Amino acid sequence: MAMSFNENLDDNGEMHEINVTPFIDVMLVLLIIFMVAAPLATVDVKVNLPASTSTPQPRPEKPVYLSVKADKSMFIGNNQVTDDTMISELNTLTDGKKDTTIFFRADKTVDYETMMKVMDALHQAGFLKIGLVGEETVKAK
């Protein structure tokens, strides 16, 4: 009983199979690029956030950001909204799921009254899970 282990060799002893090493290298580089770029593409609204020293919490797959800029303009994600359209836009974005966490980002120059009005409107609409977003700082030891 004879067995041949050189199935991919031709009469001249040359191998005829595809080298997949360069393909794998390219795929790994693309994977690293997407892993680095994905967290940077969350929200493009520039808000000067206050700093916090608490430990960061994990984010859900598809976070919903409500941002209030220094001029009191409001954004859900990158779309500008008004007081009247905020709740309907949130209902559309969350498919009416009131247990969705709304990540609230406010510029540090926004007054307390404006923040409370927005949070009160969210509470009255049934959105009870509100996460306050701030800048991460390193604790001094």
Protein backbone atom coordinates (compact mmCIF):
# COMPACT_ATOMS: atom_id res chain seq x y z
CA MET A 1 0.00 0.00 0.00
CA ALA A 2 1.66 3.19 -1.18
CA MET A 3 0.59 6.70 -0.14
CA SER A 4 1.59 9.96 -1.74
CA PHE A 5 1.88 13.10 0.40
CA ASN A 6 2.99 15.40 -2.41
CA GLU A 7 -0.42 15.86 -4.04
CA ASN A 8 0.16 19.53 -4.96
CA LEU A 9 3.42 18.88 -6.83
CA ASP A 10 3.49 18.62 -10.62
CA ASP A 11 5.96 16.59 -12.74
CA ASN A 12 8.73 19.17 -12.15
CA GLY A 13 8.32 19.22 -8.37
CA GLU A 14 6.69 22.69 -8.21
CA MET A 15 3.86 23.44 -5.80
CA HIS A 16 0.57 24.81 -7.16
CA GLU A 17 -1.37 26.27 -4.25
CA ILE A 18 -2.34 29.79 -3.27
CA ASN A 19 -0.28 31.56 -0.62
CA VAL A 20 -2.85 33.14 1.74
CA THR A 21 -0.34 34.76 4.12
CA PRO A 22 -0.47 38.22 2.45
CA PHE A 23 -4.27 38.07 2.46
CA ILE A 24 -4.32 37.31 6.19
CA ASP A 25 -1.85 40.15 6.85
CA VAL A 26 -4.08 42.63 5.02
CA MET A 27 -7.18 41.41 6.89
CA LEU A 28 -5.46 41.81 10.28
CA VAL A 29 -4.35 45.35 9.42
CA LEU A 30 -7.89 46.27 8.37
CA LEU A 31 -9.28 44.74 11.56
CA ILE A 32 -6.94 46.86 13.68
CA ILE A 33 -7.84 50.01 11.74
CA PHE A 34 -11.57 49.43 12.25
CA MET A 35 -11.10 48.61 15.94
CA VAL A 36 -9.27 51.91 16.48
CA ALA A 37 -11.61 54.02 14.31
CA ALA A 38 -14.95 52.67 15.59
CA PRO A 39 -14.95 54.40 19.02
CA LEU A 40 -14.02 57.71 17.39
CA ALA A 41 -17.17 57.78 15.24
CA THR A 42 -19.77 58.11 18.00
CA VAL A 43 -20.83 61.78 18.13
CA ASP A 44 -19.46 64.77 16.22
CA VAL A 45 -21.13 67.54 18.25
CA LYS A 46 -18.39 69.47 20.06
CA VAL A 47 -19.29 70.00 23.71
CA ASN A 48 -16.89 71.21 26.40
CA LEU A 49 -17.66 68.58 29.07
CA PRO A 50 -16.85 68.92 32.76
CA ALA A 51 -14.27 66.52 34.20
CA SER A 52 -14.99 63.52 36.42
CA THR A 53 -12.70 61.16 38.33
CA SER A 54 -15.17 58.28 38.63
CA THR A 55 -14.47 55.00 36.86
CA PRO A 56 -15.87 54.85 33.31
CA GLN A 57 -18.89 52.62 32.70
CA PRO A 58 -19.21 50.31 29.67
CA ARG A 59 -21.19 51.65 26.71
CA PRO A 60 -24.03 49.83 25.00
CA GLU A 61 -23.72 48.81 21.36
CA LYS A 62 -25.86 51.67 20.06
CA PRO A 63 -25.79 54.55 22.58
CA VAL A 64 -28.28 57.43 22.33
CA TYR A 65 -26.61 60.78 23.02
CA LEU A 66 -28.54 63.92 23.92
CA SER A 67 -26.20 66.92 23.79
CA VAL A 68 -26.73 70.52 24.93
CA LYS A 69 -24.18 73.01 23.61
CA ALA A 70 -23.12 76.26 25.28
CA ASP A 71 -25.68 78.23 23.20
CA LYS A 72 -28.41 75.88 24.56
CA SER A 73 -28.96 74.18 21.20
CA MET A 74 -29.83 70.50 21.57
CA PHE A 75 -28.74 67.52 19.47
CA ILE A 76 -29.72 63.87 19.46
CA GLY A 77 -26.70 62.15 17.97
CA ASN A 78 -25.70 64.63 15.26
CA ASN A 79 -29.25 65.88 14.51
CA GLN A 80 -30.37 69.19 15.96
CA VAL A 81 -33.70 69.11 17.84
CA THR A 82 -35.89 71.59 19.69
CA ASP A 83 -37.79 71.28 22.97
CA ASP A 84 -40.89 70.32 20.98
CA THR A 85 -39.27 67.65 18.77
CA MET A 86 -36.86 66.13 21.31
CA ILE A 87 -39.21 63.52 22.78
CA SER A 88 -40.71 62.43 19.44
CA GLU A 89 -37.19 62.07 18.02
CA LEU A 90 -36.12 59.97 21.02
CA ASN A 91 -39.22 57.78 20.70
CA THR A 92 -38.41 57.19 17.04
CA LEU A 93 -34.74 56.48 17.73
CA THR A 94 -35.41 54.07 20.63
CA ASP A 95 -38.45 52.41 18.99
CA GLY A 96 -40.54 53.52 21.97
CA LYS A 97 -38.43 51.56 24.47
CA LYS A 98 -38.51 53.73 27.58
CA ASP A 99 -35.89 51.61 29.38
CA THR A 100 -33.17 52.77 26.95
CA THR A 101 -30.38 54.72 28.65
CA ILE A 102 -30.12 58.27 27.32
CA PHE A 103 -26.56 59.61 27.59
CA PHE A 104 -26.86 63.29 28.49
CA ARG A 105 -23.95 65.52 27.47
CA ALA A 106 -24.02 69.18 28.46
CA ASP A 107 -21.39 71.86 28.00
CA LYS A 108 -19.92 72.92 31.33
CA THR A 109 -21.13 76.49 30.74
CA VAL A 110 -24.79 75.39 30.46
CA ASP A 111 -26.73 76.57 33.49
CA TYR A 112 -28.35 74.20 35.95
CA GLU A 113 -31.87 75.37 35.03
CA THR A 114 -31.46 74.32 31.39
CA MET A 115 -30.11 70.91 32.40
CA MET A 116 -33.00 70.36 34.79
CA LYS A 117 -35.58 71.35 32.14
CA VAL A 118 -34.17 68.78 29.72
CA MET A 119 -33.95 66.05 32.37
CA ASP A 120 -37.47 66.88 33.57
CA ALA A 121 -38.80 66.60 30.00
CA LEU A 122 -37.09 63.20 29.67
CA HIS A 123 -38.56 62.06 33.00
CA GLN A 124 -42.10 63.16 32.07
CA ALA A 125 -41.79 61.32 28.75
CA GLY A 126 -40.91 58.12 30.62
CA PHE A 127 -37.17 57.97 29.98
CA LEU A 128 -35.96 57.20 33.50
CA LYS A 129 -32.47 55.94 32.66
CA ILE A 130 -30.30 59.01 32.10
CA GLY A 131 -26.52 58.71 32.07
CA LEU A 132 -24.51 61.89 32.62
CA VAL A 133 -21.43 62.06 30.39
CA GLY A 134 -18.24 63.87 31.41
CA GLU A 135 -14.57 63.99 30.51
CA GLU A 136 -12.38 61.32 32.03
CA THR A 137 -9.47 62.55 34.14
CA VAL A 138 -6.71 60.67 35.88
CA LYS A 139 -6.90 60.60 39.67
CA ALA A 140 -3.95 62.18 41.45
CA LYS A 141 -2.23 59.76 43.81
